[in-house]
């Protein structure tokens, strides 16, 4: 059976991406950091590595460099919350066979993995439209959540519960980092952006994108905190 290494630290994204990859079918090991991924990759043969672009102890590109320095040759697929063409192109330039944006549907995720495994070009992952308008988006978009994960309602409910359980701690970490650790703040926002897409947290996702573009703006931090409170209140 195909054996994959998924490197992802966000619990919501990790749960969905692992389940979708296992359905290929494949055996999927999970690492949440550069250090853990290196330890697993050195010990075990993998058919492909599925690596998040931003990790708690480094970048996906740096991890790929370290894996190559160990003499390991598995193909690598990057996944990122960024939707910008420049970000995806940069990951390809760093040595990834493919790069996809999150949230990604189960079908597109599986197609990307198959494309890496077979060295053929798979269909590009769909990029959901970003909201822009005078009125705030809905707090939750059930249809978007179902579309992001392939229509499985039970899986959507489980991912939302996990997302909501993690959200207070994520908010607190972002607010603390805003006081003087902008790199940590950006990393946390990047992960949260992907999670919002998987669960259809539309209003919070828009607030996250706004704060990412101006992380030192007090009004955007306040809007982010208010969006978290609204999201938690409208479970």
C-alpha atoms as a PDB file:
ATOM      1  CA  UNK A   1       0.000   0.000   0.000  1.00  0.00           C
ATOM      2  CA  UNK A   2       1.083   3.569  -0.659  1.00  0.00           C
ATOM      3  CA  UNK A   3       2.689   5.181   2.403  1.00  0.00           C
ATOM      4  CA  UNK A   4       2.565   8.951   2.862  1.00  0.00           C
ATOM      5  CA  UNK A   5       3.983  11.414   5.375  1.00  0.00           C
ATOM      6  CA  UNK A   6       1.617  14.314   6.125  1.00  0.00           C
ATOM      7  CA  UNK A   7       3.307  17.279   7.786  1.00  0.00           C
ATOM      8  CA  UNK A   8       0.637  19.594   9.224  1.00  0.00           C
ATOM      9  CA  UNK A   9       0.369  21.235  12.664  1.00  0.00           C
ATOM     10  CA  UNK A  10      -3.180  22.630  12.517  1.00  0.00           C
ATOM     11  CA  UNK A  11      -5.575  20.032  14.009  1.00  0.00           C
ATOM     12  CA  UNK A  12      -8.513  20.889  11.738  1.00  0.00           C
ATOM     13  CA  UNK A  13      -6.488  20.777   8.533  1.00  0.00           C
ATOM     14  CA  UNK A  14      -4.590  17.712   9.721  1.00  0.00           C
ATOM     15  CA  UNK A  15      -7.770  15.759  10.434  1.00  0.00           C
ATOM     16  CA  UNK A  16      -9.292  16.438   7.041  1.00  0.00           C
ATOM     17  CA  UNK A  17      -6.149  16.017   4.960  1.00  0.00           C
ATOM     18  CA  UNK A  18      -5.236  12.760   6.655  1.00  0.00           C
ATOM     19  CA  UNK A  19      -8.717  11.266   6.231  1.00  0.00           C
ATOM     20  CA  UNK A  20      -8.844  12.264   2.559  1.00  0.00           C
ATOM     21  CA  UNK A  21      -5.375  10.849   1.888  1.00  0.00           C
ATOM     22  CA  UNK A  22      -6.169   7.579   3.667  1.00  0.00           C
ATOM     23  CA  UNK A  23      -9.178   7.125   1.377  1.00  0.00           C
ATOM     24  CA  UNK A  24      -6.899   6.838  -1.701  1.00  0.00           C
ATOM     25  CA  UNK A  25      -6.225   4.244  -0.118  1.00  0.00           C
ATOM     26  CA  UNK A  26      -2.930   4.940   1.625  1.00  0.00           C
ATOM     27  CA  UNK A  27      -1.217   4.553   4.962  1.00  0.00           C
ATOM     28  CA  UNK A  28      -0.643   8.045   6.356  1.00  0.00           C
ATOM     29  CA  UNK A  29       1.808   9.006   9.104  1.00  0.00           C
ATOM     30  CA  UNK A  30       1.491  12.477  10.610  1.00  0.00           C
ATOM     31  CA  UNK A  31       4.087  14.951  11.865  1.00  0.00           C
ATOM     32  CA  UNK A  32       3.351  18.414  13.273  1.00  0.00           C
ATOM     33  CA  UNK A  33       6.827  19.948  13.038  1.00  0.00           C
ATOM     34  CA  UNK A  34      10.029  19.979  11.024  1.00  0.00           C
ATOM     35  CA  UNK A  35      11.801  17.975  13.719  1.00  0.00           C
ATOM     36  CA  UNK A  36       9.129  15.269  13.888  1.00  0.00           C
ATOM     37  CA  UNK A  37       8.940  15.025  10.097  1.00  0.00           C
ATOM     38  CA  UNK A  38      12.696  14.568   9.794  1.00  0.00           C
ATOM     39  CA  UNK A  39      12.687  11.850  12.437  1.00  0.00           C
ATOM     40  CA  UNK A  40       9.919   9.916  10.662  1.00  0.00           C
ATOM     41  CA  UNK A  41      11.319  10.373   7.159  1.00  0.00           C
ATOM     42  CA  UNK A  42      14.766   9.133   8.122  1.00  0.00           C
ATOM     43  CA  UNK A  43      13.320   5.991   9.741  1.00  0.00           C
ATOM     44  CA  UNK A  44      10.599   5.113   7.232  1.00  0.00           C
ATOM     45  CA  UNK A  45      10.348   4.867   3.440  1.00  0.00           C
ATOM     46  CA  UNK A  46       7.566   7.064   2.042  1.00  0.00           C
ATOM     47  CA  UNK A  47       6.114   7.236  -1.427  1.00  0.00           C
ATOM     48  CA  UNK A  48       5.509  10.976  -1.033  1.00  0.00           C
ATOM     49  CA  UNK A  49       5.704  13.779   1.523  1.00  0.00           C
ATOM     50  CA  UNK A  50       2.751  16.166   1.956  1.00  0.00           C
ATOM     51  CA  UNK A  51       4.253  19.235   3.604  1.00  0.00           C
ATOM     52  CA  UNK A  52       2.644  22.372   5.001  1.00  0.00           C
ATOM     53  CA  UNK A  53       4.383  25.569   3.917  1.00  0.00           C
ATOM     54  CA  UNK A  54       4.439  27.021   7.468  1.00  0.00           C
ATOM     55  CA  UNK A  55       5.338  24.946  10.519  1.00  0.00           C
ATOM     56  CA  UNK A  56       5.994  25.863  14.164  1.00  0.00           C
ATOM     57  CA  UNK A  57       9.746  25.327  13.875  1.00  0.00           C
ATOM     58  CA  UNK A  58      10.420  26.313  10.279  1.00  0.00           C
ATOM     59  CA  UNK A  59       9.109  26.393   6.735  1.00  0.00           C
ATOM     60  CA  UNK A  60       8.092  23.605   4.428  1.00  0.00           C
ATOM     61  CA  UNK A  61      10.797  24.645   1.977  1.00  0.00           C
ATOM     62  CA  UNK A  62      13.462  24.403   4.695  1.00  0.00           C
ATOM     63  CA  UNK A  63      12.163  20.955   5.656  1.00  0.00           C
ATOM     64  CA  UNK A  64      12.371  19.819   2.038  1.00  0.00           C
ATOM     65  CA  UNK A  65      15.972  21.045   1.852  1.00  0.00           C
ATOM     66  CA  UNK A  66      16.836  19.044   4.982  1.00  0.00           C
ATOM     67  CA  UNK A  67      15.170  15.919   3.623  1.00  0.00           C
ATOM     68  CA  UNK A  68      17.117  16.212   0.385  1.00  0.00           C
ATOM     69  CA  UNK A  69      20.321  16.783   2.363  1.00  0.00           C
ATOM     70  CA  UNK A  70      19.675  13.418   4.032  1.00  0.00           C
ATOM     71  CA  UNK A  71      19.698  11.839   0.584  1.00  0.00           C
ATOM     72  CA  UNK A  72      15.945  11.161   0.588  1.00  0.00           C
ATOM     73  CA  UNK A  73      14.264  11.255  -2.812  1.00  0.00           C
ATOM     74  CA  UNK A  74      10.497  11.009  -2.302  1.00  0.00           C
ATOM     75  CA  UNK A  75       8.407  13.515  -4.283  1.00  0.00           C
ATOM     76  CA  UNK A  76       6.902  16.346  -2.239  1.00  0.00           C
ATOM     77  CA  UNK A  77       3.526  18.091  -2.379  1.00  0.00           C
ATOM     78  CA  UNK A  78       3.213  21.471  -0.643  1.00  0.00           C
ATOM     79  CA  UNK A  79      -0.041  22.694   0.869  1.00  0.00           C
ATOM     80  CA  UNK A  80      -0.604  26.245   2.029  1.00  0.00           C
ATOM     81  CA  UNK A  81      -3.331  28.622   3.188  1.00  0.00           C
ATOM     82  CA  UNK A  82      -1.991  31.183   0.709  1.00  0.00           C
ATOM     83  CA  UNK A  83      -3.940  31.536  -2.535  1.00  0.00           C
ATOM     84  CA  UNK A  84      -1.607  33.978  -4.266  1.00  0.00           C
ATOM     85  CA  UNK A  85      -0.025  32.699  -7.465  1.00  0.00           C
ATOM     86  CA  UNK A  86       3.371  33.978  -6.315  1.00  0.00           C
ATOM     87  CA  UNK A  87       3.229  31.830  -3.170  1.00  0.00           C
ATOM     88  CA  UNK A  88       2.401  28.668  -5.116  1.00  0.00           C
ATOM     89  CA  UNK A  89       5.048  29.440  -7.733  1.00  0.00           C
ATOM     90  CA  UNK A  90       7.608  30.002  -4.978  1.00  0.00           C
ATOM     91  CA  UNK A  91       6.915  26.593  -3.496  1.00  0.00           C
ATOM     92  CA  UNK A  92       7.359  24.951  -6.884  1.00  0.00           C
ATOM     93  CA  UNK A  93      10.626  26.835  -7.288  1.00  0.00           C
ATOM     94  CA  UNK A  94      11.723  25.515  -3.884  1.00  0.00           C
ATOM     95  CA  UNK A  95      11.528  21.957  -5.194  1.00  0.00           C
ATOM     96  CA  UNK A  96       7.961  20.819  -4.562  1.00  0.00           C
ATOM     97  CA  UNK A  97       6.449  18.781  -7.371  1.00  0.00           C
ATOM     98  CA  UNK A  98       3.094  20.472  -6.764  1.00  0.00           C
ATOM     99  CA  UNK A  99       1.591  23.115  -4.488  1.00  0.00           C
ATOM    100  CA  UNK A 100      -2.095  23.426  -3.555  1.00  0.00           C
ATOM    101  CA  UNK A 101      -4.074  25.998  -1.608  1.00  0.00           C
ATOM    102  CA  UNK A 102      -6.200  25.160   1.414  1.00  0.00           C
ATOM    103  CA  UNK A 103      -9.054  24.598   1.805  1.00  0.00           C
ATOM    104  CA  UNK A 104      -8.940  21.942  -0.871  1.00  0.00           C
ATOM    105  CA  UNK A 105     -11.665  19.422  -1.649  1.00  0.00           C
ATOM    106  CA  UNK A 106     -11.019  15.760  -0.925  1.00  0.00           C
ATOM    107  CA  UNK A 107     -11.160  14.993  -4.658  1.00  0.00           C
ATOM    108  CA  UNK A 108      -8.651  17.712  -5.564  1.00  0.00           C
ATOM    109  CA  UNK A 109      -6.349  16.726  -2.683  1.00  0.00           C
ATOM    110  CA  UNK A 110      -6.399  13.093  -3.782  1.00  0.00           C
ATOM    111  CA  UNK A 111      -5.828  14.112  -7.411  1.00  0.00           C
ATOM    112  CA  UNK A 112      -2.825  16.209  -6.387  1.00  0.00           C
ATOM    113  CA  UNK A 113      -1.350  13.300  -4.448  1.00  0.00           C
ATOM    114  CA  UNK A 114      -1.893  10.918  -7.360  1.00  0.00           C
ATOM    115  CA  UNK A 115      -0.312  13.459  -9.666  1.00  0.00           C
ATOM    116  CA  UNK A 116       2.798  13.629  -7.484  1.00  0.00           C
ATOM    117  CA  UNK A 117       2.970   9.851  -7.186  1.00  0.00           C
ATOM    118  CA  UNK A 118       2.672   9.283 -10.923  1.00  0.00           C
ATOM    119  CA  UNK A 119       4.645  12.377 -12.030  1.00  0.00           C
ATOM    120  CA  UNK A 120       1.661  13.534 -14.081  1.00  0.00           C
ATOM    121  CA  UNK A 121       0.032  16.935 -13.808  1.00  0.00           C
ATOM    122  CA  UNK A 122      -3.138  16.682 -11.716  1.00  0.00           C
ATOM    123  CA  UNK A 123      -6.045  19.142 -11.871  1.00  0.00           C
ATOM    124  CA  UNK A 124      -5.367  22.341  -9.985  1.00  0.00           C
ATOM    125  CA  UNK A 125      -6.996  22.710  -6.590  1.00  0.00           C
ATOM    126  CA  UNK A 126      -9.990  25.055  -6.653  1.00  0.00           C
ATOM    127  CA  UNK A 127      -9.403  28.435  -5.057  1.00  0.00           C
ATOM    128  CA  UNK A 128     -12.526  29.682  -3.267  1.00  0.00           C
ATOM    129  CA  UNK A 129     -13.470  33.291  -4.037  1.00  0.00           C
ATOM    130  CA  UNK A 130     -12.500  35.803  -1.395  1.00  0.00           C
ATOM    131  CA  UNK A 131     -15.222  38.052  -0.021  1.00  0.00           C
ATOM    132  CA  UNK A 132     -15.184  41.727  -0.822  1.00  0.00           C
ATOM    133  CA  UNK A 133     -18.102  44.005  -0.177  1.00  0.00           C
ATOM    134  CA  UNK A 134     -19.682  46.600   2.081  1.00  0.00           C
ATOM    135  CA  UNK A 135     -21.536  44.121   4.308  1.00  0.00           C
ATOM    136  CA  UNK A 136     -19.821  41.457   6.410  1.00  0.00           C
ATOM    137  CA  UNK A 137     -20.165  37.874   5.173  1.00  0.00           C
ATOM    138  CA  UNK A 138     -22.262  35.288   6.976  1.00  0.00           C
ATOM    139  CA  UNK A 139     -20.722  33.835  10.113  1.00  0.00           C
ATOM    140  CA  UNK A 140     -21.028  30.300   8.758  1.00  0.00           C
ATOM    141  CA  UNK A 141     -21.399  29.039   5.207  1.00  0.00           C
ATOM    142  CA  UNK A 142     -22.507  25.419   5.401  1.00  0.00           C
ATOM    143  CA  UNK A 143     -22.460  24.968   1.637  1.00  0.00           C
ATOM    144  CA  UNK A 144     -18.866  26.190   1.414  1.00  0.00           C
ATOM    145  CA  UNK A 145     -17.812  23.823   4.193  1.00  0.00           C
ATOM    146  CA  UNK A 146     -19.452  20.840   2.500  1.00  0.00           C
ATOM    147  CA  UNK A 147     -17.913  21.788  -0.845  1.00  0.00           C
ATOM    148  CA  UNK A 148     -14.467  22.071   0.737  1.00  0.00           C
ATOM    149  CA  UNK A 149     -14.536  18.545   2.140  1.00  0.00           C
ATOM    150  CA  UNK A 150     -16.462  16.689  -0.534  1.00  0.00           C
ATOM    151  CA  UNK A 151     -20.009  16.836   0.822  1.00  0.00           C
ATOM    152  CA  UNK A 152     -19.620  14.625   3.896  1.00  0.00           C
ATOM    153  CA  UNK A 153     -21.952  16.227   6.466  1.00  0.00           C
ATOM    154  CA  UNK A 154     -20.739  14.129   9.400  1.00  0.00           C
ATOM    155  CA  UNK A 155     -17.138  14.995   8.633  1.00  0.00           C
ATOM    156  CA  UNK A 156     -18.091  18.670   8.341  1.00  0.00           C
ATOM    157  CA  UNK A 157     -19.718  18.592  11.778  1.00  0.00           C
ATOM    158  CA  UNK A 158     -16.712  16.857  13.336  1.00  0.00           C
ATOM    159  CA  UNK A 159     -14.297  19.368  11.813  1.00  0.00           C
ATOM    160  CA  UNK A 160     -16.399  22.302  13.035  1.00  0.00           C
ATOM    161  CA  UNK A 161     -16.431  20.890  16.574  1.00  0.00           C
ATOM    162  CA  UNK A 162     -12.654  20.498  16.501  1.00  0.00           C
ATOM    163  CA  UNK A 163     -12.247  23.996  15.056  1.00  0.00           C
ATOM    164  CA  UNK A 164     -14.414  25.554  17.760  1.00  0.00           C
ATOM    165  CA  UNK A 165     -12.588  23.694  20.518  1.00  0.00           C
ATOM    166  CA  UNK A 166      -9.249  25.048  19.300  1.00  0.00           C
ATOM    167  CA  UNK A 167     -10.435  28.566  18.472  1.00  0.00           C
ATOM    168  CA  UNK A 168     -10.211  30.259  21.922  1.00  0.00           C
ATOM    169  CA  UNK A 169      -6.583  29.200  22.364  1.00  0.00           C
ATOM    170  CA  UNK A 170      -5.779  30.246  18.793  1.00  0.00           C
ATOM    171  CA  UNK A 171      -7.343  33.674  19.371  1.00  0.00           C
ATOM    172  CA  UNK A 172      -5.406  34.165  22.603  1.00  0.00           C
ATOM    173  CA  UNK A 173      -2.123  33.192  20.933  1.00  0.00           C
ATOM    174  CA  UNK A 174      -2.707  35.669  18.092  1.00  0.00           C
ATOM    175  CA  UNK A 175      -3.636  38.507  20.446  1.00  0.00           C
ATOM    176  CA  UNK A 176      -0.547  37.848  22.591  1.00  0.00           C
ATOM    177  CA  UNK A 177       1.713  37.704  19.551  1.00  0.00           C
ATOM    178  CA  UNK A 178       0.298  41.019  18.314  1.00  0.00           C
ATOM    179  CA  UNK A 179       2.004  42.673  21.271  1.00  0.00           C
ATOM    180  CA  UNK A 180       5.469  42.093  19.838  1.00  0.00           C
ATOM    181  CA  UNK A 181       5.927  38.853  17.889  1.00  0.00           C
ATOM    182  CA  UNK A 182       4.597  39.525  14.392  1.00  0.00           C
ATOM    183  CA  UNK A 183       6.226  36.432  12.803  1.00  0.00           C
ATOM    184  CA  UNK A 184       4.423  34.179  15.287  1.00  0.00           C
ATOM    185  CA  UNK A 185       1.241  36.126  14.697  1.00  0.00           C
ATOM    186  CA  UNK A 186       1.479  35.683  10.932  1.00  0.00           C
ATOM    187  CA  UNK A 187       2.116  31.954  11.293  1.00  0.00           C
ATOM    188  CA  UNK A 188      -0.940  31.531  13.518  1.00  0.00           C
ATOM    189  CA  UNK A 189      -3.105  33.584  11.156  1.00  0.00           C
ATOM    190  CA  UNK A 190      -1.898  31.531   8.195  1.00  0.00           C
ATOM    191  CA  UNK A 191      -2.975  28.291   9.857  1.00  0.00           C
ATOM    192  CA  UNK A 192      -6.296  29.764  10.977  1.00  0.00           C
ATOM    193  CA  UNK A 193      -7.022  30.973   7.460  1.00  0.00           C
ATOM    194  CA  UNK A 194      -6.907  27.399   6.158  1.00  0.00           C
ATOM    195  CA  UNK A 195      -9.056  26.089   8.996  1.00  0.00           C
ATOM    196  CA  UNK A 196     -11.717  28.738   8.377  1.00  0.00           C
ATOM    197  CA  UNK A 197     -11.941  27.558   4.783  1.00  0.00           C
ATOM    198  CA  UNK A 198     -12.415  23.917   5.747  1.00  0.00           C
ATOM    199  CA  UNK A 199     -15.292  24.656   8.153  1.00  0.00           C
ATOM    200  CA  UNK A 200     -16.975  27.534   6.316  1.00  0.00           C
ATOM    201  CA  UNK A 201     -16.197  30.189   8.945  1.00  0.00           C
ATOM    202  CA  UNK A 202     -16.671  32.951   6.398  1.00  0.00           C
ATOM    203  CA  UNK A 203     -16.760  36.059   8.569  1.00  0.00           C
ATOM    204  CA  UNK A 204     -13.795  35.011  10.669  1.00  0.00           C
ATOM    205  CA  UNK A 205     -11.888  34.045   7.540  1.00  0.00           C
ATOM    206  CA  UNK A 206     -12.399  37.538   6.115  1.00  0.00           C
ATOM    207  CA  UNK A 207     -11.186  39.074   9.392  1.00  0.00           C
ATOM    208  CA  UNK A 208      -8.109  36.843   9.333  1.00  0.00           C
ATOM    209  CA  UNK A 209      -7.238  37.896   5.775  1.00  0.00           C
ATOM    210  CA  UNK A 210      -7.680  41.578   6.714  1.00  0.00           C
ATOM    211  CA  UNK A 211      -5.420  41.200   9.750  1.00  0.00           C
ATOM    212  CA  UNK A 212      -2.800  39.300   7.732  1.00  0.00           C
ATOM    213  CA  UNK A 213      -2.481  42.262   5.375  1.00  0.00           C
ATOM    214  CA  UNK A 214      -2.030  44.746   8.254  1.00  0.00           C
ATOM    215  CA  UNK A 215      -0.995  42.821  11.395  1.00  0.00           C
ATOM    216  CA  UNK A 216      -0.045  45.976  13.299  1.00  0.00           C
ATOM    217  CA  UNK A 217      -3.428  47.696  12.785  1.00  0.00           C
ATOM    218  CA  UNK A 218      -5.339  47.880  16.113  1.00  0.00           C
ATOM    219  CA  UNK A 219      -8.724  48.202  14.423  1.00  0.00           C
ATOM    220  CA  UNK A 220      -8.170  44.995  12.452  1.00  0.00           C
ATOM    221  CA  UNK A 221      -7.048  43.136  15.552  1.00  0.00           C
ATOM    222  CA  UNK A 222     -10.207  44.301  17.304  1.00  0.00           C
ATOM    223  CA  UNK A 223     -12.339  43.221  14.347  1.00  0.00           C
ATOM    224  CA  UNK A 224     -10.621  39.831  14.411  1.00  0.00           C
ATOM    225  CA  UNK A 225     -11.328  39.366  18.141  1.00  0.00           C
ATOM    226  CA  UNK A 226     -14.966  40.367  17.634  1.00  0.00           C
ATOM    227  CA  UNK A 227     -15.290  37.903  14.756  1.00  0.00           C
ATOM    228  CA  UNK A 228     -13.957  35.122  16.963  1.00  0.00           C
ATOM    229  CA  UNK A 229     -16.514  35.967  19.647  1.00  0.00           C
ATOM    230  CA  UNK A 230     -19.335  36.006  17.084  1.00  0.00           C
ATOM    231  CA  UNK A 231     -18.197  32.697  15.603  1.00  0.00           C
ATOM    232  CA  UNK A 232     -18.089  31.059  19.034  1.00  0.00           C
ATOM    233  CA  UNK A 233     -21.493  32.456  19.927  1.00  0.00           C
ATOM    234  CA  UNK A 234     -23.168  31.213  16.730  1.00  0.00           C
ATOM    235  CA  UNK A 235     -22.113  27.607  16.903  1.00  0.00           C
END
